[in-house]
Amino acid sequence: MIEEYTSALFKNVPKYLLEKRNQIIMVLFVSIFAVAFINIFQPFGSDTWIDNKKITTTLYFLWSTVLVSIGMIVVAISRVIMYRYSRKPNHSITVLKYLGWVFLELLLLSGAFTIIALIVKSNLNLTTDDPMEIFVNAIKNTAFILFIPYILCLLYFSYQNKNFKLKELMGEYLGVKSSNLISIRDSRGVLQLSVAKENLLYIESADNYICIWYQKGDLLKKKLMRITMKEISEQLADTNIMRCHRSYMVNLDLVKVMRREKENIFLELGVPNVKEIPISKTYGENVMRRLVNV
């Protein structure tokens, strides 16, 4: 039993926790929840922290909003760093690392609140002037206030992810078996397209957008989506839709001809009105190796 829990700590956290959209939702929801909670319950006698007397509702709201905003700026910076770190090659975030990151956020928040308290302590009704004691109390208070919104966010993200998977399994988008579908989400994690594997031809980049070319019957269709090539490459890592150029990914299952012209190599899919797809030197070796095994 202990070994199971230990091994779970070293597994990677679900990808949906690291998505940009969910990171933004978490920061905003935690901010709103914290302000609402503090103003409704006024925990730890915080309504008498200023000048040793009760303050008006409006002043208390403004004071708590500013305090929470400062804390959420710290969390937002932390989440930006987490997101960028997780996007780098070979940089995974395990459950243990994620928990450690959250704990570090707690310490940073408590440290920020401690510094503020020490700066304006002449106007606060503090029970102690000891910085360490103030810091420990800040940790307790911050952990208490943030615990509920963090848990609610995790439950919501888990539910949302399971809902997406359920829709994919039902194959409700094209009415075909889900095992034959390739499902593609945008940069927010929202499912935008499910298409049969044999119908997805190639993907072309356009700055922070991509254009997905696929067949629908005898028609050639395209879907424009806001996502980077790096992100879509990671989504399709387990398929034969492979990056072959800085600006292209191609369905290797559909390649009929590989043609060399001087220093350039092109792939032809054998589909009418579909242009030839270039292979660059950067991705050429991996493409060749995969084509041999197709």
C-alpha atoms as a PDB file:
ATOM      1  CA  MET A   1       0.000   0.000   0.000  1.00  0.00           C
ATOM      2  CA  ILE A   2       2.771   2.437   0.928  1.00  0.00           C
ATOM      3  CA  GLU A   3       4.653   1.570  -2.264  1.00  0.00           C
ATOM      4  CA  GLU A   4       1.561   2.355  -4.354  1.00  0.00           C
ATOM      5  CA  TYR A   5       1.236   5.817  -2.820  1.00  0.00           C
ATOM      6  CA  THR A   6       4.969   6.412  -3.216  1.00  0.00           C
ATOM      7  CA  SER A   7       4.966   5.415  -6.883  1.00  0.00           C
ATOM      8  CA  ALA A   8       1.925   7.633  -7.505  1.00  0.00           C
ATOM      9  CA  LEU A   9       3.908  10.657  -6.332  1.00  0.00           C
ATOM     10  CA  PHE A  10       6.417  10.141  -9.137  1.00  0.00           C
ATOM     11  CA  LYS A  11       3.825   9.872 -11.901  1.00  0.00           C
ATOM     12  CA  ASN A  12       3.250  12.874 -14.139  1.00  0.00           C
ATOM     13  CA  VAL A  13       0.288  15.043 -13.240  1.00  0.00           C
ATOM     14  CA  PRO A  14      -2.597  15.008 -15.757  1.00  0.00           C
ATOM     15  CA  LYS A  15      -1.899  17.329 -18.681  1.00  0.00           C
ATOM     16  CA  TYR A  16      -5.159  19.202 -18.164  1.00  0.00           C
ATOM     17  CA  LEU A  17      -3.803  20.655 -14.898  1.00  0.00           C
ATOM     18  CA  LEU A  18      -0.995  22.342 -16.830  1.00  0.00           C
ATOM     19  CA  GLU A  19      -3.053  23.744 -19.701  1.00  0.00           C
ATOM     20  CA  LYS A  20      -2.927  27.517 -20.036  1.00  0.00           C
ATOM     21  CA  ARG A  21      -6.716  27.875 -19.919  1.00  0.00           C
ATOM     22  CA  ASN A  22      -7.021  25.912 -16.694  1.00  0.00           C
ATOM     23  CA  GLN A  23      -4.135  27.797 -15.079  1.00  0.00           C
ATOM     24  CA  ILE A  24      -5.924  31.094 -15.798  1.00  0.00           C
ATOM     25  CA  ILE A  25      -9.225  29.722 -14.487  1.00  0.00           C
ATOM     26  CA  MET A  26      -7.550  28.586 -11.270  1.00  0.00           C
ATOM     27  CA  VAL A  27      -5.917  31.967 -10.577  1.00  0.00           C
ATOM     28  CA  LEU A  28      -9.152  33.878 -11.261  1.00  0.00           C
ATOM     29  CA  PHE A  29     -11.381  31.497  -9.296  1.00  0.00           C
ATOM     30  CA  VAL A  30      -9.054  31.399  -6.288  1.00  0.00           C
ATOM     31  CA  SER A  31      -8.936  35.222  -6.290  1.00  0.00           C
ATOM     32  CA  ILE A  32     -12.715  35.599  -6.401  1.00  0.00           C
ATOM     33  CA  PHE A  33     -13.261  32.871  -3.815  1.00  0.00           C
ATOM     34  CA  ALA A  34     -10.678  34.335  -1.428  1.00  0.00           C
ATOM     35  CA  VAL A  35     -12.191  37.838  -1.572  1.00  0.00           C
ATOM     36  CA  ALA A  36     -15.721  36.468  -1.097  1.00  0.00           C
ATOM     37  CA  PHE A  37     -14.682  34.153   1.753  1.00  0.00           C
ATOM     38  CA  ILE A  38     -12.749  36.850   3.621  1.00  0.00           C
ATOM     39  CA  ASN A  39     -15.584  39.372   3.320  1.00  0.00           C
ATOM     40  CA  ILE A  40     -18.349  36.946   4.317  1.00  0.00           C
ATOM     41  CA  PHE A  41     -16.648  35.186   7.230  1.00  0.00           C
ATOM     42  CA  GLN A  42     -13.973  37.741   8.198  1.00  0.00           C
ATOM     43  CA  PRO A  43     -11.719  34.961   9.544  1.00  0.00           C
ATOM     44  CA  PHE A  44      -9.142  35.377  12.296  1.00  0.00           C
ATOM     45  CA  GLY A  45     -10.701  38.648  13.473  1.00  0.00           C
ATOM     46  CA  SER A  46      -9.386  40.387  10.376  1.00  0.00           C
ATOM     47  CA  ASP A  47     -12.037  43.106  10.618  1.00  0.00           C
ATOM     48  CA  THR A  48     -10.179  44.507  13.655  1.00  0.00           C
ATOM     49  CA  TRP A  49      -6.660  44.261  12.258  1.00  0.00           C
ATOM     50  CA  ILE A  50      -6.618  47.911  11.263  1.00  0.00           C
ATOM     51  CA  ASP A  51      -6.285  50.526  14.013  1.00  0.00           C
ATOM     52  CA  ASN A  52      -7.579  48.050  16.618  1.00  0.00           C
ATOM     53  CA  LYS A  53     -11.195  48.743  15.757  1.00  0.00           C
ATOM     54  CA  LYS A  54     -13.865  47.510  13.392  1.00  0.00           C
ATOM     55  CA  ILE A  55     -13.800  49.097   9.934  1.00  0.00           C
ATOM     56  CA  THR A  56     -16.591  49.803   7.475  1.00  0.00           C
ATOM     57  CA  THR A  57     -17.734  47.116   5.044  1.00  0.00           C
ATOM     58  CA  THR A  58     -16.544  49.132   2.043  1.00  0.00           C
ATOM     59  CA  LEU A  59     -13.087  49.761   3.476  1.00  0.00           C
ATOM     60  CA  TYR A  60     -12.774  46.126   4.518  1.00  0.00           C
ATOM     61  CA  PHE A  61     -13.727  44.999   0.998  1.00  0.00           C
ATOM     62  CA  LEU A  62     -11.146  47.309  -0.596  1.00  0.00           C
ATOM     63  CA  TRP A  63      -8.471  46.260   1.896  1.00  0.00           C
ATOM     64  CA  SER A  64      -9.114  42.531   1.370  1.00  0.00           C
ATOM     65  CA  THR A  65      -9.270  42.920  -2.419  1.00  0.00           C
ATOM     66  CA  VAL A  66      -5.898  44.658  -2.538  1.00  0.00           C
ATOM     67  CA  LEU A  67      -4.383  42.043  -0.242  1.00  0.00           C
ATOM     68  CA  VAL A  68      -5.733  39.125  -2.304  1.00  0.00           C
ATOM     69  CA  SER A  69      -4.694  40.824  -5.570  1.00  0.00           C
ATOM     70  CA  ILE A  70      -1.110  41.089  -4.392  1.00  0.00           C
ATOM     71  CA  GLY A  71      -1.155  37.421  -3.479  1.00  0.00           C
ATOM     72  CA  MET A  72      -2.666  36.368  -6.797  1.00  0.00           C
ATOM     73  CA  ILE A  73      -0.008  38.297  -8.711  1.00  0.00           C
ATOM     74  CA  VAL A  74       2.516  36.068  -6.958  1.00  0.00           C
ATOM     75  CA  VAL A  75       0.497  32.943  -7.896  1.00  0.00           C
ATOM     76  CA  ALA A  76       0.030  34.137 -11.493  1.00  0.00           C
ATOM     77  CA  ILE A  77       3.788  34.593 -11.926  1.00  0.00           C
ATOM     78  CA  SER A  78       4.336  31.145 -10.447  1.00  0.00           C
ATOM     79  CA  ARG A  79       1.806  29.574 -12.841  1.00  0.00           C
ATOM     80  CA  VAL A  80       3.367  31.266 -15.869  1.00  0.00           C
ATOM     81  CA  ILE A  81       6.721  29.786 -14.866  1.00  0.00           C
ATOM     82  CA  MET A  82       5.096  26.371 -14.328  1.00  0.00           C
ATOM     83  CA  TYR A  83       3.400  26.485 -17.737  1.00  0.00           C
ATOM     84  CA  ARG A  84       6.570  27.474 -19.593  1.00  0.00           C
ATOM     85  CA  TYR A  85       8.608  24.907 -17.705  1.00  0.00           C
ATOM     86  CA  SER A  86       6.148  22.126 -18.570  1.00  0.00           C
ATOM     87  CA  ARG A  87       6.271  23.031 -22.290  1.00  0.00           C
ATOM     88  CA  LYS A  88      10.019  22.481 -22.559  1.00  0.00           C
ATOM     89  CA  PRO A  89      11.259  19.131 -23.905  1.00  0.00           C
ATOM     90  CA  ASN A  90      12.038  16.535 -21.232  1.00  0.00           C
ATOM     91  CA  HIS A  91      10.595  18.765 -18.496  1.00  0.00           C
ATOM     92  CA  SER A  92       7.834  16.780 -16.836  1.00  0.00           C
ATOM     93  CA  ILE A  93       5.962  17.740 -13.676  1.00  0.00           C
ATOM     94  CA  THR A  94       5.272  14.821 -11.367  1.00  0.00           C
ATOM     95  CA  VAL A  95       2.632  14.762  -8.646  1.00  0.00           C
ATOM     96  CA  LEU A  96       5.352  15.286  -6.050  1.00  0.00           C
ATOM     97  CA  LYS A  97       6.823  18.213  -7.971  1.00  0.00           C
ATOM     98  CA  TYR A  98       3.353  19.745  -8.407  1.00  0.00           C
ATOM     99  CA  LEU A  99       2.614  19.471  -4.686  1.00  0.00           C
ATOM    100  CA  GLY A 100       6.011  20.990  -3.945  1.00  0.00           C
ATOM    101  CA  TRP A 101       5.242  23.828  -6.345  1.00  0.00           C
ATOM    102  CA  VAL A 102       1.918  24.525  -4.605  1.00  0.00           C
ATOM    103  CA  PHE A 103       3.665  24.479  -1.221  1.00  0.00           C
ATOM    104  CA  LEU A 104       6.259  26.941  -2.543  1.00  0.00           C
ATOM    105  CA  GLU A 105       3.410  29.201  -3.700  1.00  0.00           C
ATOM    106  CA  LEU A 106       2.022  29.032  -0.174  1.00  0.00           C
ATOM    107  CA  LEU A 107       5.382  30.084   1.264  1.00  0.00           C
ATOM    108  CA  LEU A 108       5.735  32.931  -1.264  1.00  0.00           C
ATOM    109  CA  LEU A 109       2.223  34.190  -0.495  1.00  0.00           C
ATOM    110  CA  SER A 110       2.860  34.028   3.235  1.00  0.00           C
ATOM    111  CA  GLY A 111       6.194  35.782   2.769  1.00  0.00           C
ATOM    112  CA  ALA A 112       4.540  38.573   0.768  1.00  0.00           C
ATOM    113  CA  PHE A 113       1.840  39.041   3.412  1.00  0.00           C
ATOM    114  CA  THR A 114       4.484  39.048   6.166  1.00  0.00           C
ATOM    115  CA  ILE A 115       6.452  41.791   4.411  1.00  0.00           C
ATOM    116  CA  ILE A 116       3.296  43.879   3.989  1.00  0.00           C
ATOM    117  CA  ALA A 117       2.394  43.378   7.650  1.00  0.00           C
ATOM    118  CA  LEU A 118       5.858  44.484   8.800  1.00  0.00           C
ATOM    119  CA  ILE A 119       5.774  47.565   6.560  1.00  0.00           C
ATOM    120  CA  VAL A 120       2.389  48.798   7.832  1.00  0.00           C
ATOM    121  CA  LYS A 121       2.444  47.205  11.290  1.00  0.00           C
ATOM    122  CA  SER A 122       1.966  50.570  12.972  1.00  0.00           C
ATOM    123  CA  ASN A 123      -1.573  50.613  11.537  1.00  0.00           C
ATOM    124  CA  LEU A 124      -2.336  46.956  12.229  1.00  0.00           C
ATOM    125  CA  ASN A 125      -3.599  45.307  15.359  1.00  0.00           C
ATOM    126  CA  LEU A 126      -1.040  42.489  15.390  1.00  0.00           C
ATOM    127  CA  THR A 127      -0.663  40.159  18.357  1.00  0.00           C
ATOM    128  CA  THR A 128       3.120  40.013  17.862  1.00  0.00           C
ATOM    129  CA  ASP A 129       6.001  41.921  16.275  1.00  0.00           C
ATOM    130  CA  ASP A 130       8.076  38.791  15.707  1.00  0.00           C
ATOM    131  CA  PRO A 131       8.526  38.338  11.897  1.00  0.00           C
ATOM    132  CA  MET A 132       8.774  34.551  12.181  1.00  0.00           C
ATOM    133  CA  GLU A 133       5.582  34.293  14.202  1.00  0.00           C
ATOM    134  CA  ILE A 134       3.805  36.559  11.732  1.00  0.00           C
ATOM    135  CA  PHE A 135       5.087  34.369   8.900  1.00  0.00           C
ATOM    136  CA  VAL A 136       3.869  31.138  10.563  1.00  0.00           C
ATOM    137  CA  ASN A 137       0.439  32.674  11.184  1.00  0.00           C
ATOM    138  CA  ALA A 138       0.336  33.831   7.563  1.00  0.00           C
ATOM    139  CA  ILE A 139       1.023  30.270   6.398  1.00  0.00           C
ATOM    140  CA  LYS A 140      -1.835  28.916   8.520  1.00  0.00           C
ATOM    141  CA  ASN A 141      -4.286  31.604   7.388  1.00  0.00           C
ATOM    142  CA  THR A 142      -3.343  31.373   3.711  1.00  0.00           C
ATOM    143  CA  ALA A 143      -3.511  27.561   3.649  1.00  0.00           C
ATOM    144  CA  PHE A 144      -6.938  27.672   5.293  1.00  0.00           C
ATOM    145  CA  ILE A 145      -8.337  30.169   2.770  1.00  0.00           C
ATOM    146  CA  LEU A 146      -6.830  28.552  -0.356  1.00  0.00           C
ATOM    147  CA  PHE A 147      -7.543  24.903   0.430  1.00  0.00           C
ATOM    148  CA  ILE A 148     -11.196  24.895  -0.671  1.00  0.00           C
ATOM    149  CA  PRO A 149     -10.822  26.754  -4.026  1.00  0.00           C
ATOM    150  CA  TYR A 150      -7.783  24.657  -4.969  1.00  0.00           C
ATOM    151  CA  ILE A 151      -9.714  21.430  -4.341  1.00  0.00           C
ATOM    152  CA  LEU A 152     -12.787  22.729  -6.207  1.00  0.00           C
ATOM    153  CA  CYS A 153     -10.638  23.648  -9.204  1.00  0.00           C
ATOM    154  CA  LEU A 154      -9.008  20.217  -9.287  1.00  0.00           C
ATOM    155  CA  LEU A 155     -12.410  18.510  -9.132  1.00  0.00           C
ATOM    156  CA  TYR A 156     -13.794  20.751 -11.890  1.00  0.00           C
ATOM    157  CA  PHE A 157     -10.815  20.148 -14.192  1.00  0.00           C
ATOM    158  CA  SER A 158     -11.066  16.396 -13.609  1.00  0.00           C
ATOM    159  CA  TYR A 159     -14.800  16.426 -14.398  1.00  0.00           C
ATOM    160  CA  GLN A 160     -14.243  18.523 -17.512  1.00  0.00           C
ATOM    161  CA  ASN A 161     -11.520  16.196 -18.780  1.00  0.00           C
ATOM    162  CA  LYS A 162     -13.668  13.094 -18.207  1.00  0.00           C
ATOM    163  CA  ASN A 163     -16.526  14.798 -20.020  1.00  0.00           C
ATOM    164  CA  PHE A 164     -14.300  15.428 -23.050  1.00  0.00           C
ATOM    165  CA  LYS A 165     -13.174  11.804 -23.075  1.00  0.00           C
ATOM    166  CA  LEU A 166     -16.762  10.602 -22.834  1.00  0.00           C
ATOM    167  CA  LYS A 167     -17.721  12.656 -25.882  1.00  0.00           C
ATOM    168  CA  GLU A 168     -14.784  11.227 -27.801  1.00  0.00           C
ATOM    169  CA  LEU A 169     -15.779   7.662 -26.873  1.00  0.00           C
ATOM    170  CA  MET A 170     -19.324   8.279 -28.031  1.00  0.00           C
ATOM    171  CA  GLY A 171     -17.990   9.444 -31.391  1.00  0.00           C
ATOM    172  CA  GLU A 172     -20.755  12.032 -31.539  1.00  0.00           C
ATOM    173  CA  TYR A 173     -18.944  14.376 -33.892  1.00  0.00           C
ATOM    174  CA  LEU A 174     -18.682  12.178 -36.982  1.00  0.00           C
ATOM    175  CA  GLY A 175     -20.771   9.215 -35.975  1.00  0.00           C
ATOM    176  CA  VAL A 176     -17.900   6.703 -36.342  1.00  0.00           C
ATOM    177  CA  LYS A 177     -16.107   4.515 -33.839  1.00  0.00           C
ATOM    178  CA  SER A 178     -13.908   6.511 -31.497  1.00  0.00           C
ATOM    179  CA  SER A 179     -10.973   4.155 -32.071  1.00  0.00           C
ATOM    180  CA  ASN A 180     -10.867   5.424 -35.658  1.00  0.00           C
ATOM    181  CA  LEU A 181     -10.945   9.087 -34.661  1.00  0.00           C
ATOM    182  CA  ILE A 182      -8.220  11.627 -34.159  1.00  0.00           C
ATOM    183  CA  SER A 183      -9.467  14.303 -31.779  1.00  0.00           C
ATOM    184  CA  ILE A 184      -7.798  17.707 -31.736  1.00  0.00           C
ATOM    185  CA  ARG A 185      -8.136  20.415 -29.096  1.00  0.00           C
ATOM    186  CA  ASP A 186      -7.175  24.058 -29.336  1.00  0.00           C
ATOM    187  CA  SER A 187      -4.735  25.867 -27.013  1.00  0.00           C
ATOM    188  CA  ARG A 188      -7.479  26.225 -24.379  1.00  0.00           C
ATOM    189  CA  GLY A 189      -8.045  22.480 -24.293  1.00  0.00           C
ATOM    190  CA  VAL A 190     -11.429  22.715 -26.030  1.00  0.00           C
ATOM    191  CA  LEU A 191     -12.201  19.894 -28.467  1.00  0.00           C
ATOM    192  CA  GLN A 192     -12.504  21.465 -31.935  1.00  0.00           C
ATOM    193  CA  LEU A 193     -12.311  18.597 -34.404  1.00  0.00           C
ATOM    194  CA  SER A 194     -12.646  14.814 -34.508  1.00  0.00           C
ATOM    195  CA  VAL A 195     -11.776  13.262 -37.832  1.00  0.00           C
ATOM    196  CA  ALA A 196     -11.223   9.706 -39.082  1.00  0.00           C
ATOM    197  CA  LYS A 197      -7.524   8.822 -39.243  1.00  0.00           C
ATOM    198  CA  GLU A 198      -7.616   8.047 -42.940  1.00  0.00           C
ATOM    199  CA  ASN A 199      -9.274  11.389 -43.720  1.00  0.00           C
ATOM    200  CA  LEU A 200      -6.766  13.688 -42.028  1.00  0.00           C
ATOM    201  CA  LEU A 201      -4.273  14.694 -44.747  1.00  0.00           C
ATOM    202  CA  TYR A 202      -1.848  17.272 -43.388  1.00  0.00           C
ATOM    203  CA  ILE A 203      -1.534  20.235 -41.044  1.00  0.00           C
ATOM    204  CA  GLU A 204      -0.119  23.602 -42.021  1.00  0.00           C
ATOM    205  CA  SER A 205       0.983  26.350 -39.615  1.00  0.00           C
ATOM    206  CA  ALA A 206       0.145  30.048 -39.811  1.00  0.00           C
ATOM    207  CA  ASP A 207       1.810  31.921 -36.929  1.00  0.00           C
ATOM    208  CA  ASN A 208      -0.107  30.915 -33.772  1.00  0.00           C
ATOM    209  CA  TYR A 209      -2.785  29.203 -35.829  1.00  0.00           C
ATOM    210  CA  ILE A 210      -2.844  25.936 -37.736  1.00  0.00           C
ATOM    211  CA  CYS A 211      -4.883  24.845 -40.725  1.00  0.00           C
ATOM    212  CA  ILE A 212      -5.992  21.206 -40.677  1.00  0.00           C
ATOM    213  CA  TRP A 213      -6.702  19.757 -44.132  1.00  0.00           C
ATOM    214  CA  TYR A 214      -8.967  16.713 -44.292  1.00  0.00           C
ATOM    215  CA  GLN A 215     -11.335  14.903 -46.608  1.00  0.00           C
ATOM    216  CA  LYS A 216     -15.094  14.787 -46.222  1.00  0.00           C
ATOM    217  CA  GLY A 217     -16.389  12.487 -48.890  1.00  0.00           C
ATOM    218  CA  ASP A 218     -14.951  13.777 -52.162  1.00  0.00           C
ATOM    219  CA  LEU A 219     -14.481  17.284 -50.786  1.00  0.00           C
ATOM    220  CA  LEU A 220     -11.263  18.790 -49.456  1.00  0.00           C
ATOM    221  CA  LYS A 221     -12.013  20.673 -46.222  1.00  0.00           C
ATOM    222  CA  LYS A 222      -9.945  22.765 -43.837  1.00  0.00           C
ATOM    223  CA  LYS A 223     -10.260  23.780 -40.194  1.00  0.00           C
ATOM    224  CA  LEU A 224      -8.479  26.835 -38.798  1.00  0.00           C
ATOM    225  CA  MET A 225      -7.571  26.534 -35.126  1.00  0.00           C
ATOM    226  CA  ARG A 226      -5.651  28.636 -32.609  1.00  0.00           C
ATOM    227  CA  ILE A 227      -2.784  26.436 -31.441  1.00  0.00           C
ATOM    228  CA  THR A 228       0.940  26.196 -32.136  1.00  0.00           C
ATOM    229  CA  MET A 229       2.646  23.450 -34.120  1.00  0.00           C
ATOM    230  CA  LYS A 230       4.527  22.421 -30.986  1.00  0.00           C
ATOM    231  CA  GLU A 231       1.276  21.920 -29.088  1.00  0.00           C
ATOM    232  CA  ILE A 232      -0.427  19.996 -31.884  1.00  0.00           C
ATOM    233  CA  SER A 233       2.684  17.836 -32.306  1.00  0.00           C
ATOM    234  CA  GLU A 234       2.451  16.844 -28.646  1.00  0.00           C
ATOM    235  CA  GLN A 235      -1.254  16.037 -28.998  1.00  0.00           C
ATOM    236  CA  LEU A 236      -0.597  13.755 -31.970  1.00  0.00           C
ATOM    237  CA  ALA A 237       2.604  12.183 -30.674  1.00  0.00           C
ATOM    238  CA  ASP A 238       1.002   8.711 -30.547  1.00  0.00           C
ATOM    239  CA  THR A 239      -0.289   8.841 -34.136  1.00  0.00           C
ATOM    240  CA  ASN A 240       1.283   8.719 -37.593  1.00  0.00           C
ATOM    241  CA  ILE A 241       0.559  12.421 -38.084  1.00  0.00           C
ATOM    242  CA  MET A 242       4.153  13.568 -37.900  1.00  0.00           C
ATOM    243  CA  ARG A 243       6.059  16.831 -38.081  1.00  0.00           C
ATOM    244  CA  CYS A 244       8.070  16.897 -41.305  1.00  0.00           C
ATOM    245  CA  HIS A 245       8.817  20.589 -41.627  1.00  0.00           C
ATOM    246  CA  ARG A 246       8.767  23.749 -39.538  1.00  0.00           C
ATOM    247  CA  SER A 247       5.376  24.556 -41.062  1.00  0.00           C
ATOM    248  CA  TYR A 248       3.932  21.121 -41.845  1.00  0.00           C
ATOM    249  CA  MET A 249       2.743  17.849 -40.348  1.00  0.00           C
ATOM    250  CA  VAL A 250       1.647  15.004 -42.594  1.00  0.00           C
ATOM    251  CA  ASN A 251      -0.283  11.753 -42.290  1.00  0.00           C
ATOM    252  CA  LEU A 252       2.424   9.211 -43.091  1.00  0.00           C
ATOM    253  CA  ASP A 253      -0.199   6.487 -43.648  1.00  0.00           C
ATOM    254  CA  LEU A 254      -1.333   8.351 -46.778  1.00  0.00           C
ATOM    255  CA  VAL A 255       2.068   9.016 -48.353  1.00  0.00           C
ATOM    256  CA  LYS A 256       2.233   7.488 -51.848  1.00  0.00           C
ATOM    257  CA  VAL A 257       5.379   9.077 -53.268  1.00  0.00           C
ATOM    258  CA  MET A 258       8.577  10.473 -51.797  1.00  0.00           C
ATOM    259  CA  ARG A 259      10.435  12.571 -54.343  1.00  0.00           C
ATOM    260  CA  ARG A 260      13.851  14.259 -54.191  1.00  0.00           C
ATOM    261  CA  GLU A 261      14.675  17.376 -56.162  1.00  0.00           C
ATOM    262  CA  LYS A 262      18.292  18.450 -55.698  1.00  0.00           C
ATOM    263  CA  GLU A 263      18.573  19.138 -51.967  1.00  0.00           C
ATOM    264  CA  ASN A 264      14.827  19.098 -51.334  1.00  0.00           C
ATOM    265  CA  ILE A 265      12.509  16.184 -50.550  1.00  0.00           C
ATOM    266  CA  PHE A 266       8.747  16.218 -51.070  1.00  0.00           C
ATOM    267  CA  LEU A 267       5.904  13.879 -50.103  1.00  0.00           C
ATOM    268  CA  GLU A 268       2.882  13.246 -52.324  1.00  0.00           C
ATOM    269  CA  LEU A 269      -0.340  11.903 -50.838  1.00  0.00           C
ATOM    270  CA  GLY A 270      -2.004  10.812 -54.043  1.00  0.00           C
ATOM    271  CA  VAL A 271      -5.127  12.827 -53.249  1.00  0.00           C
ATOM    272  CA  PRO A 272      -6.478  15.158 -55.978  1.00  0.00           C
ATOM    273  CA  ASN A 273      -5.868  18.889 -55.414  1.00  0.00           C
ATOM    274  CA  VAL A 274      -3.587  18.260 -52.425  1.00  0.00           C
ATOM    275  CA  LYS A 275      -0.194  19.919 -52.759  1.00  0.00           C
ATOM    276  CA  GLU A 276       3.092  18.148 -52.151  1.00  0.00           C
ATOM    277  CA  ILE A 277       4.467  18.427 -48.622  1.00  0.00           C
ATOM    278  CA  PRO A 278       8.122  19.423 -48.090  1.00  0.00           C
ATOM    279  CA  ILE A 279      10.495  17.649 -45.707  1.00  0.00           C
ATOM    280  CA  SER A 280      13.142  19.749 -43.982  1.00  0.00           C
ATOM    281  CA  LYS A 281      16.553  18.537 -42.843  1.00  0.00           C
ATOM    282  CA  THR A 282      15.595  19.078 -39.200  1.00  0.00           C
ATOM    283  CA  TYR A 283      12.786  16.519 -39.309  1.00  0.00           C
ATOM    284  CA  GLY A 284      13.930  14.446 -42.299  1.00  0.00           C
ATOM    285  CA  GLU A 285      15.697  11.660 -40.415  1.00  0.00           C
ATOM    286  CA  ASN A 286      12.744  10.953 -38.100  1.00  0.00           C
ATOM    287  CA  VAL A 287      10.303  10.996 -41.021  1.00  0.00           C
ATOM    288  CA  MET A 288      12.422   8.591 -43.056  1.00  0.00           C
ATOM    289  CA  ARG A 289      12.749   6.231 -40.108  1.00  0.00           C
ATOM    290  CA  ARG A 290       8.985   6.264 -39.537  1.00  0.00           C
ATOM    291  CA  LEU A 291       8.176   5.803 -43.223  1.00  0.00           C
ATOM    292  CA  VAL A 292      10.271   2.660 -43.340  1.00  0.00           C
ATOM    293  CA  ASN A 293       8.150   1.228 -40.513  1.00  0.00           C
ATOM    294  CA  VAL A 294       4.778   2.368 -41.862  1.00  0.00           C
END
